C-alpha cells in the first residue's frame, strides 16, 4: 500500500497574527513525521510526505506530484485556520482518482469530527493522537473490511465515535519522527540558517488559559529525549526547536535533559517555549551550557487584571525576572503578547508597548487575541452575546475562503487592534537603538543574512 501524507498549499489560510509565520520560518511537519515513523516501523507500507508549504507548491504542482505517485491513501493534516485548504486538497485528490482513500487528522478534526466527516471528499477522520489509529485504519482498508470500528476513527459507514485510546500515554514507546522523508534544506528557523528541526518532549499542557485548548499532559523521559537529540545531531542538525506547548513544566526534567546534552557533548543549539513562573538561575545556566540560544515567553499582557482574567497564572514581576535572568545568563528572549484580551484597554496596550521598550527582549511578537474553537474564551463570547452563534462550527461545516475570524471586540474593534499590532511591531523592530543592538550582536554573516530575511518578512506585514 502506498501512503502519501500532505501539508496542503496554504492559499486561503485565516490570518490573525503578524508576521505571517510561513514568511519568517518553515517548520518540519512533526505530526506527519511521527505518523510516517510509526508506519515505517510497524508496516511495510510505502510512505511519502508532500509538504506544499516548504516546497512552495500551489494546487497545480501538488496535483502533478500526486499523479506521479498514484497513492492508495492520502492523509492530510488539518488545523482550523487552514481547513479550507485541507478540504480543497482532499477534493483535488478525489478528482485525480476517486479510488484514493482520504483521511484527515489534527487539531481541527479533534474539535469537529462529525462536521469534518460529513464532507463528501473525506473518507475517514482521526480524533486525538493518530499514530496507532491511522495504522489500524490502513490495515482495515488494506483488508477491505466492510465495517470499520476503531476507537477514535469516524468513517462514512461508521459515525459512532469512541474516545477510548484518545491519547497515547507512553510517548517513549513511539518511534522517532522520520526526518529522512523531508528535505532539511527546505526548512529554516527565525534565528538561524543552520540545519534546523523541531522536536517534541511532551504533548498537552496542564494549565487552564482561557484562550487555549490543551490536551492532557504527557511527558517523555529525559533519556528518551536525549536519544532523539543524539540522532538529530548525528544527522547533521545544528538547531533544534523544542516545540512543546511549555517545556519547563518540570524544572528537574529540563535540567536532566540539559545535563544529557552536555554529557554527550552534543554540538547543537536549541530553543523552546517556557513559562516565566518556572525559571531559576541554575536551570538557565545549564540550558546555556547545553546550547540554548533562545527562550520564548508567553507574557500576553502587562496588565495584571487582564492576566488574571485569561487565567494565565503569572505576574509581571515574574516576567521581568525571567527576561533579566536570561540576559544575565546570555540567552536571547522572545516576548509574546496578545492584544485585545477581555478587559484590556488601549491604555493597557500602550503600557505593554512601553514595558517592552523598557525590558528590551531580543524579539517580540504581537498578535491579536483569537477566540479559537473549543476554548473557554470562545464559550464566554457566545454566552455574553459577543457572538450571536457558533461561527466556528458553521465554518467547519461549510468553510469559505473569506471567513472573518472572531476577536474579543467589546472595547476595541478588530481594525483598531490590527493597526495597534502592526504599529507596535514596527516600532519595536525598526528603530535605531534596536537595529544597532542587533547589528553588533550578530556573530556571523550567515546570521546577519538570516536576520535580514526575517526582518524583511516582518516589515512587509507591519507596513503593507
Protein backbone atom coordinates (compact mmCIF):
# COMPACT_ATOMS: atom_id res chain seq x y z
CA UNK A 1 0.00 0.00 0.00
CA UNK A 2 1.28 3.45 -0.94
CA UNK A 3 0.55 6.25 1.55
CA UNK A 4 1.13 9.94 0.91
CA UNK A 5 0.92 12.44 3.79
CA UNK A 6 0.24 16.03 2.78
CA UNK A 7 0.72 19.53 4.12
CA UNK A 8 -1.78 21.49 1.97
CA UNK A 9 -0.93 24.63 -0.02
CA UNK A 10 -1.88 27.47 2.32
CA UNK A 11 -3.59 29.70 -0.21
CA UNK A 12 -6.64 30.54 1.94
CA UNK A 13 -5.31 30.48 5.49
CA UNK A 14 -7.12 32.53 8.12
CA UNK A 15 -4.56 35.07 9.26
CA UNK A 16 -4.69 36.64 12.67
CA UNK A 17 -1.06 37.19 13.58
CA UNK A 18 1.81 39.31 12.35
CA UNK A 19 4.19 38.42 10.90
CA UNK A 20 2.74 35.50 8.95
CA UNK A 21 4.74 32.57 10.27
CA UNK A 22 5.40 30.86 6.96
CA UNK A 23 7.08 34.01 5.65
CA UNK A 24 9.59 34.05 8.52
CA UNK A 25 10.30 30.38 9.18
CA UNK A 26 9.38 26.94 7.88
CA UNK A 27 8.86 24.10 10.36
CA UNK A 28 9.11 20.43 9.52
CA UNK A 29 5.63 18.81 9.78
CA UNK A 30 6.39 17.00 13.03
CA UNK A 31 2.95 15.36 13.28
CA UNK A 32 3.24 13.79 9.83
CA UNK A 33 6.83 12.74 10.55
CA UNK A 34 5.58 10.90 13.66
CA UNK A 35 2.90 9.15 11.59
CA UNK A 36 5.46 8.17 8.98
CA UNK A 37 7.91 6.92 11.60
CA UNK A 38 5.22 4.72 13.14
CA UNK A 39 4.07 3.28 9.81
CA UNK A 40 7.59 2.54 8.63
CA UNK A 41 8.39 0.81 11.92
CA UNK A 42 5.30 -1.39 12.14
CA UNK A 43 4.34 -1.98 8.50
CA UNK A 44 5.67 -2.49 5.01
CA UNK A 45 3.69 0.45 3.62
CA UNK A 46 5.43 2.83 1.26
CA UNK A 47 5.20 6.27 2.87
CA UNK A 48 5.98 9.70 1.43
CA UNK A 49 5.43 13.25 2.65
CA UNK A 50 4.49 16.11 0.33
CA UNK A 51 4.96 19.44 2.12
CA UNK A 52 3.35 22.03 -0.14
CA UNK A 53 4.31 24.87 2.17
CA UNK A 54 8.04 24.09 2.30
CA UNK A 55 8.13 23.34 -1.44
CA UNK A 56 6.13 26.48 -2.24
CA UNK A 57 3.65 24.48 -4.30
CA UNK A 58 0.23 25.59 -5.37
CA UNK A 59 -2.58 23.16 -6.17
CA UNK A 60 -1.44 22.63 -9.76
CA UNK A 61 2.04 21.47 -8.69
CA UNK A 62 0.64 19.35 -5.86
CA UNK A 63 -1.68 17.60 -8.32
CA UNK A 64 1.26 16.92 -10.62
CA UNK A 65 3.27 15.37 -7.78
CA UNK A 66 0.31 13.25 -6.65
CA UNK A 67 -0.25 11.87 -10.15
CA UNK A 68 3.39 10.81 -10.25
CA UNK A 69 2.94 8.75 -7.09
CA UNK A 70 -0.55 7.29 -7.59
CA UNK A 71 -1.18 6.68 -3.86
CA UNK A 72 -3.73 4.32 -2.35
CA UNK A 73 -4.27 6.52 0.71
CA UNK A 74 -3.73 10.22 1.37
CA UNK A 75 -3.50 11.62 4.88
CA UNK A 76 -3.94 15.38 5.31
CA UNK A 77 -3.07 17.39 8.39
CA UNK A 78 -5.89 19.77 9.35
CA UNK A 79 -5.72 22.84 11.55
CA UNK A 80 -8.83 25.01 11.78
CA UNK A 81 -7.03 28.00 10.28
CA UNK A 82 -6.42 26.13 7.05
CA UNK A 83 -9.25 23.61 6.97
CA UNK A 84 -10.49 25.26 3.75
CA UNK A 85 -7.20 24.33 2.07
CA UNK A 86 -7.20 20.87 3.67
CA UNK A 87 -10.64 20.14 2.21
CA UNK A 88 -9.66 21.67 -1.12
CA UNK A 89 -6.67 19.31 -1.15
CA UNK A 90 -8.97 16.37 -0.37
CA UNK A 91 -11.18 17.41 -3.28
CA UNK A 92 -8.12 17.59 -5.52
CA UNK A 93 -7.16 14.04 -4.54
CA UNK A 94 -10.62 12.70 -5.39
CA UNK A 95 -10.57 14.44 -8.76
CA UNK A 96 -7.28 12.71 -9.54
CA UNK A 97 -8.81 9.35 -8.62
CA UNK A 98 -11.96 8.55 -6.68
CA UNK A 99 -10.42 5.24 -5.56
CA UNK A 100 -7.85 7.04 -3.34
CA UNK A 101 -8.89 6.97 0.30
CA UNK A 102 -8.65 10.34 2.09
CA UNK A 103 -8.15 10.65 5.84
CA UNK A 104 -7.95 13.89 7.84
CA UNK A 105 -6.41 14.31 11.28
CA UNK A 106 -5.13 17.07 13.52
CA UNK A 107 -6.49 19.65 15.99
CA UNK A 108 -9.43 20.74 13.83
CA UNK A 109 -10.71 17.20 13.42
CA UNK A 110 -10.45 16.53 17.16
CA UNK A 111 -12.75 19.50 17.83
CA UNK A 112 -15.10 19.00 14.87
CA UNK A 113 -15.04 15.28 13.95
CA UNK A 114 -18.66 15.00 12.74
CA UNK A 115 -18.52 18.30 10.86
CA UNK A 116 -15.39 17.05 9.05
CA UNK A 117 -16.55 13.54 8.11
CA UNK A 118 -19.71 14.99 6.53
CA UNK A 119 -17.65 16.45 3.67
CA UNK A 120 -18.04 14.23 0.64
CA UNK A 121 -14.33 14.18 -0.23
CA UNK A 122 -13.33 12.82 3.21
CA UNK A 123 -13.43 9.04 3.79
CA UNK A 124 -12.25 9.00 7.41
CA UNK A 125 -11.18 11.28 10.26
CA UNK A 126 -8.97 10.53 13.25
CA UNK A 127 -9.56 12.11 16.65
CA UNK A 128 -6.71 12.52 19.15
CA UNK A 129 -3.23 11.03 18.81
CA UNK A 130 -3.14 9.46 15.38
CA UNK A 131 -0.21 7.04 15.15
CA UNK A 132 -1.89 3.80 16.27
CA UNK A 133 -5.32 4.67 14.89
CA UNK A 134 -4.06 5.56 11.43
CA UNK A 135 -2.11 2.30 11.28
CA UNK A 136 -5.25 0.33 12.24
CA UNK A 137 -7.32 2.23 9.67
CA UNK A 138 -4.82 1.47 6.90
CA UNK A 139 -4.84 -2.21 7.88
CA UNK A 140 -8.65 -2.26 7.69
CA UNK A 141 -8.66 -0.56 4.29
CA UNK A 142 -5.99 -2.93 3.01
CA UNK A 143 -8.12 -5.90 4.07
CA UNK A 144 -11.19 -4.21 2.50
CA UNK A 145 -13.19 -4.61 5.72
CA UNK A 146 -16.81 -3.68 5.19
CA UNK A 147 -17.46 -2.38 8.70
CA UNK A 148 -14.60 -0.46 10.31
CA UNK A 149 -14.85 0.03 14.05
CA UNK A 150 -11.75 1.67 15.53
CA UNK A 151 -11.88 3.88 18.66
CA UNK A 152 -11.18 7.48 17.67
CA UNK A 153 -11.93 6.91 13.96
CA UNK A 154 -15.00 8.01 12.03
CA UNK A 155 -15.78 6.74 8.55
CA UNK A 156 -18.68 7.29 6.20
CA UNK A 157 -20.12 3.92 7.28
CA UNK A 158 -19.43 4.25 11.00
CA UNK A 159 -20.05 7.63 12.59
CA UNK A 160 -20.28 6.44 16.17
CA UNK A 161 -17.25 7.93 17.90
CA UNK A 162 -15.49 6.24 20.80
CA UNK A 163 -12.97 8.29 22.76
CA UNK A 164 -11.14 5.23 24.04
CA UNK A 165 -7.49 5.34 23.06
CA UNK A 166 -7.74 9.12 22.52
CA UNK A 167 -4.28 9.69 23.99
CA UNK A 168 -1.05 7.78 23.74
CA UNK A 169 0.09 7.72 27.35
CA UNK A 170 3.55 6.19 26.96
CA UNK A 171 5.22 8.54 24.48
CA UNK A 172 8.56 6.76 24.95
CA UNK A 173 7.08 3.79 23.09
CA UNK A 174 6.62 5.79 19.88
CA UNK A 175 9.23 5.58 17.12
CA UNK A 176 11.01 8.85 16.46
CA UNK A 177 9.76 11.10 13.65
CA UNK A 178 11.16 10.01 10.28
CA UNK A 179 13.03 13.16 9.28
CA UNK A 180 14.57 11.40 6.26
CA UNK A 181 11.28 11.91 4.40
CA UNK A 182 11.72 15.68 4.07
CA UNK A 183 14.48 17.82 2.64
CA UNK A 184 16.04 19.67 5.61
CA UNK A 185 17.23 22.44 3.30
CA UNK A 186 13.61 23.50 2.79
CA UNK A 187 13.17 24.48 6.45
CA UNK A 188 14.57 27.40 8.40
CA UNK A 189 14.46 28.92 11.85
CA UNK A 190 13.70 32.57 12.53
CA UNK A 191 17.07 32.95 14.27
CA UNK A 192 19.45 30.80 12.21
CA UNK A 193 20.05 29.46 8.71
CA UNK A 194 21.74 26.28 10.02
CA UNK A 195 20.20 22.83 9.51
CA UNK A 196 17.05 23.01 11.61
CA UNK A 197 14.38 20.69 13.00
CA UNK A 198 11.67 20.61 15.64
CA UNK A 199 11.30 18.13 18.48
CA UNK A 200 8.53 17.31 20.96
CA UNK A 201 9.42 16.25 24.50
CA UNK A 202 5.78 16.29 25.61
CA UNK A 203 2.20 16.51 24.40
CA UNK A 204 -0.50 18.57 26.04
CA UNK A 205 -0.40 21.22 28.77
CA UNK A 206 -1.59 21.25 32.41
CA UNK A 207 -2.58 24.93 32.51
CA UNK A 208 -6.02 26.48 32.03
CA UNK A 209 -5.56 29.66 29.99
CA UNK A 210 -8.96 30.66 28.65
CA UNK A 211 -7.64 31.44 25.15
CA UNK A 212 -6.14 28.00 24.59
CA UNK A 213 -7.47 24.45 24.27
CA UNK A 214 -4.90 21.99 25.52
CA UNK A 215 -4.99 18.24 25.90
CA UNK A 216 -3.89 16.07 28.79
CA UNK A 217 -0.18 16.43 29.60
CA UNK A 218 2.10 13.50 28.79
CA UNK A 219 5.88 13.64 29.18
CA UNK A 220 8.67 11.73 27.50
CA UNK A 221 11.52 10.62 29.76
CA UNK A 222 14.75 12.68 29.62
CA UNK A 223 16.58 9.53 28.49
CA UNK A 224 14.25 9.09 25.51
CA UNK A 225 14.51 12.78 24.59
CA UNK A 226 18.31 12.69 24.68
CA UNK A 227 18.31 9.61 22.45
CA UNK A 228 16.39 11.55 19.78
CA UNK A 229 18.61 14.64 20.14
CA UNK A 230 21.67 12.41 19.67
CA UNK A 231 20.08 11.03 16.48
CA UNK A 232 19.39 14.56 15.22
CA UNK A 233 22.98 15.63 15.93
CA UNK A 234 24.35 12.57 14.09
CA UNK A 235 22.20 13.52 11.10
CA UNK A 236 23.75 16.97 10.97
CA UNK A 237 21.05 19.08 12.61
CA UNK A 238 22.54 22.15 14.28
CA UNK A 239 19.40 23.90 15.56
CA UNK A 240 16.54 22.20 17.40
CA UNK A 241 13.35 23.96 18.40
CA UNK A 242 11.70 22.13 21.27
CA UNK A 243 8.12 22.58 20.17
CA UNK A 244 6.33 21.69 23.41
CA UNK A 245 3.48 23.95 24.45
CA UNK A 246 5.52 24.51 27.62
CA UNK A 247 8.97 22.96 28.01
CA UNK A 248 9.71 23.92 31.63
CA UNK A 249 6.71 22.33 33.33
CA UNK A 250 9.23 20.41 35.46
CA UNK A 251 12.49 22.21 36.23
CA UNK A 252 14.11 18.94 37.28
CA UNK A 253 13.25 17.34 33.94
CA UNK A 254 14.63 20.31 31.97
CA UNK A 255 17.85 20.13 33.99
CA UNK A 256 18.17 16.39 33.31
CA UNK A 257 17.76 16.97 29.56
CA UNK A 258 20.34 19.78 29.64
CA UNK A 259 22.80 17.58 31.54
CA UNK A 260 22.24 14.80 29.00
CA UNK A 261 23.12 17.14 26.12
CA UNK A 262 26.24 18.30 27.99
CA UNK A 263 27.34 14.78 28.94
CA UNK A 264 27.00 13.59 25.33
CA UNK A 265 29.00 16.63 24.19
CA UNK A 266 26.41 17.41 21.53
CA UNK A 267 27.30 20.40 19.38
CA UNK A 268 23.78 21.69 18.89
CA UNK A 269 21.84 24.83 19.71
CA UNK A 270 18.25 24.75 20.84
CA UNK A 271 15.33 26.97 21.71
CA UNK A 272 11.98 26.46 23.39
CA UNK A 273 8.84 27.99 24.84
CA UNK A 274 8.78 28.39 28.61
CA UNK A 275 6.67 29.94 31.35
CA UNK A 276 8.06 32.91 33.25
CA UNK A 277 6.98 31.46 36.61
CA UNK A 278 9.07 28.31 36.19
CA UNK A 279 12.51 29.88 35.86
CA UNK A 280 15.58 29.78 38.08
CA UNK A 281 19.23 30.66 37.64
CA UNK A 282 20.61 27.12 37.92
CA UNK A 283 18.30 25.81 35.19
CA UNK A 284 19.17 28.69 32.87
CA UNK A 285 22.92 28.23 33.33
CA UNK A 286 22.53 24.54 32.48
CA UNK A 287 20.39 25.48 29.48
CA UNK A 288 23.04 27.92 28.27
CA UNK A 289 25.83 25.33 28.69
CA UNK A 290 23.80 22.78 26.75
CA UNK A 291 23.32 25.12 23.79
CA UNK A 292 20.11 27.05 24.49
CA UNK A 293 20.12 30.25 22.42
CA UNK A 294 16.52 31.48 22.68
CA UNK A 295 13.54 31.16 25.02
CA UNK A 296 10.07 32.37 24.06
CA UNK A 297 7.84 33.54 26.87
CA UNK A 298 4.07 33.87 26.54
CA UNK A 299 3.53 37.01 28.63
CA UNK A 300 0.32 38.03 26.79
CA UNK A 301 -0.25 41.35 28.63
CA UNK A 302 1.37 43.63 31.19
CA UNK A 303 -1.98 44.28 32.89
CA UNK A 304 -2.35 42.02 35.90
CA UNK A 305 -6.12 42.39 35.64
CA UNK A 306 -6.03 41.02 32.11
CA UNK A 307 -3.63 38.20 33.08
CA UNK A 308 -5.99 37.18 35.87
CA UNK A 309 -8.99 37.40 33.54
CA UNK A 310 -7.46 34.99 31.00
CA UNK A 311 -6.17 32.74 33.83
CA UNK A 312 -2.57 32.96 32.70
CA UNK A 313 -1.32 32.32 36.24
CA UNK A 314 1.71 34.63 36.08
CA UNK A 315 2.70 38.08 37.34
CA UNK A 316 4.52 40.95 35.67
CA UNK A 317 7.34 40.70 38.22
CA UNK A 318 7.91 37.09 37.17
CA UNK A 319 8.08 38.17 33.52
CA UNK A 320 10.61 40.91 34.32
CA UNK A 321 12.70 38.49 36.39
CA UNK A 322 12.72 35.88 33.62
CA UNK A 323 13.87 38.31 30.91
CA UNK A 324 16.55 39.89 33.10
CA UNK A 325 17.84 36.49 34.21
CA UNK A 326 18.07 35.26 30.63
CA UNK A 327 20.02 38.38 29.69
CA UNK A 328 22.39 37.81 32.62
CA UNK A 329 22.97 34.19 31.56
CA UNK A 330 23.32 35.07 27.86
CA UNK A 331 20.16 33.51 26.41
CA UNK A 332 18.08 35.56 23.97
CA UNK A 333 14.39 36.07 24.67
CA UNK A 334 11.23 36.47 22.63
CA UNK A 335 8.29 38.09 24.41
CA UNK A 336 4.86 37.14 23.03
CA UNK A 337 1.82 39.33 23.59
CA UNK A 338 -1.85 39.14 22.66
CA UNK A 339 -3.67 42.42 22.04
CA UNK A 340 -7.39 42.67 22.68
CA UNK A 341 -7.98 40.23 25.53
CA UNK A 342 -11.09 40.66 27.71
CA UNK A 343 -10.97 43.84 29.84
CA UNK A 344 -7.87 45.13 28.03
CA UNK A 345 -7.97 48.80 27.10
CA UNK A 346 -5.90 50.85 24.68
CA UNK A 347 -4.08 52.29 27.67
CA UNK A 348 -3.17 48.73 28.73
CA UNK A 349 -1.81 48.09 25.22
CA UNK A 350 0.26 51.29 25.35
CA UNK A 351 1.60 50.21 28.73
CA UNK A 352 2.59 46.85 27.22
CA UNK A 353 4.42 48.56 24.34
CA UNK A 354 6.25 50.85 26.80
CA UNK A 355 7.13 47.88 29.01
CA UNK A 356 8.67 46.10 26.04
CA UNK A 357 10.77 49.19 25.26
CA UNK A 358 11.99 49.21 28.86
CA UNK A 359 12.73 45.49 29.12
CA UNK A 360 14.32 45.18 25.66
CA UNK A 361 13.74 41.50 24.83
CA UNK A 362 15.62 40.35 21.73
CA UNK A 363 12.43 39.64 19.82
CA UNK A 364 8.77 40.42 20.34
CA UNK A 365 5.61 39.05 18.77
CA UNK A 366 2.33 40.94 18.95
CA UNK A 367 -0.77 39.08 17.83
CA UNK A 368 -4.49 39.59 18.15
CA UNK A 369 -6.28 37.60 20.84
CA UNK A 370 -8.07 34.83 18.99
CA UNK A 371 -11.30 33.25 20.09
CA UNK A 372 -10.48 29.73 18.98
CA UNK A 373 -12.99 26.86 18.86
CA UNK A 374 -13.16 24.74 21.98
CA UNK A 375 -11.66 27.40 24.26
CA UNK A 376 -13.27 28.90 27.35
CA UNK A 377 -12.81 32.35 25.85
CA UNK A 378 -14.89 31.38 22.83
CA UNK A 379 -17.59 29.92 25.06
CA UNK A 380 -17.63 33.15 27.09
CA UNK A 381 -18.08 35.21 23.92
CA UNK A 382 -21.13 33.19 22.91
CA UNK A 383 -22.54 33.31 26.45
CA UNK A 384 -22.11 37.10 26.65
CA UNK A 385 -23.67 37.50 23.16
CA UNK A 386 -20.47 38.96 21.74
CA UNK A 387 -21.06 36.32 19.08
CA UNK A 388 -24.61 35.58 18.01
CA UNK A 389 -23.89 31.99 17.01
CA UNK A 390 -21.22 29.31 16.93
CA UNK A 391 -19.37 30.76 13.95
CA UNK A 392 -16.54 28.23 14.07
CA UNK A 393 -18.96 25.31 13.88
CA UNK A 394 -20.69 26.91 10.92
CA UNK A 395 -17.29 27.42 9.30
CA UNK A 396 -16.34 23.78 9.97
CA UNK A 397 -19.50 22.61 8.20
CA UNK A 398 -19.05 24.94 5.24
CA UNK A 399 -15.60 26.60 5.09
CA UNK A 400 -15.18 29.70 2.94
CA UNK A 401 -12.02 31.46 1.83
CA UNK A 402 -13.22 34.82 3.17
CA UNK A 403 -14.03 33.72 6.72
CA UNK A 404 -13.65 36.55 9.24
CA UNK A 405 -12.13 35.10 12.40
CA UNK A 406 -13.73 36.26 15.67
CA UNK A 407 -11.96 38.59 18.10
CA UNK A 408 -12.96 39.94 21.51
CA UNK A 409 -14.17 43.35 20.35
CA UNK A 410 -16.13 44.51 23.37
CA UNK A 411 -13.93 47.57 23.91
CA UNK A 412 -11.59 47.72 20.87
CA UNK A 413 -12.51 46.95 17.27
CA UNK A 414 -10.61 44.35 15.23
CA UNK A 415 -9.47 47.01 12.77
CA UNK A 416 -8.04 49.07 15.62
CA UNK A 417 -6.32 46.02 17.12
CA UNK A 418 -4.69 45.18 13.79
CA UNK A 419 -3.48 48.75 13.48
CA UNK A 420 -2.06 48.73 17.02
CA UNK A 421 -0.41 45.36 16.42
CA UNK A 422 1.31 46.49 13.24
CA UNK A 423 2.38 49.76 14.80
CA UNK A 424 3.79 48.03 17.88
CA UNK A 425 5.68 45.52 15.73
CA UNK A 426 7.08 48.25 13.51
CA UNK A 427 8.11 50.49 16.41
CA UNK A 428 9.99 47.67 18.11
CA UNK A 429 11.94 46.28 15.18
CA UNK A 430 12.54 49.37 13.11
CA UNK A 431 14.16 51.86 15.42
CA UNK A 432 17.82 52.84 15.53
CA UNK A 433 18.52 51.56 19.05
CA UNK A 434 17.21 48.06 18.34
CA UNK A 435 18.83 47.78 14.92
CA UNK A 436 22.18 48.91 16.34
CA UNK A 437 21.95 46.37 19.15
CA UNK A 438 21.14 43.56 16.75
CA UNK A 439 23.85 44.54 14.29
CA UNK A 440 26.58 44.50 16.93
CA UNK A 441 25.35 41.20 18.40
CA UNK A 442 25.44 39.30 15.10
CA UNK A 443 28.05 36.53 15.28
CA UNK A 444 28.39 35.75 11.56
CA UNK A 445 27.46 36.87 8.05
CA UNK A 446 25.05 33.90 7.78
CA UNK A 447 23.30 35.05 10.96
CA UNK A 448 23.08 38.60 9.60
CA UNK A 449 21.55 37.40 6.32
CA UNK A 450 19.02 35.26 8.22
CA UNK A 451 18.07 38.20 10.45
CA UNK A 452 17.62 40.41 7.39
CA UNK A 453 15.27 37.85 5.78
CA UNK A 454 13.20 37.62 8.95
CA UNK A 455 13.20 41.40 9.32
CA UNK A 456 12.00 41.91 5.76
CA UNK A 457 9.10 39.48 6.33
CA UNK A 458 8.13 41.39 9.47
CA UNK A 459 8.42 44.73 7.67
CA UNK A 460 6.10 43.61 4.84
CA UNK A 461 3.38 42.72 7.32
CA UNK A 462 3.93 45.69 9.60
CA UNK A 463 3.85 48.27 6.82
CA UNK A 464 1.83 46.92 3.89
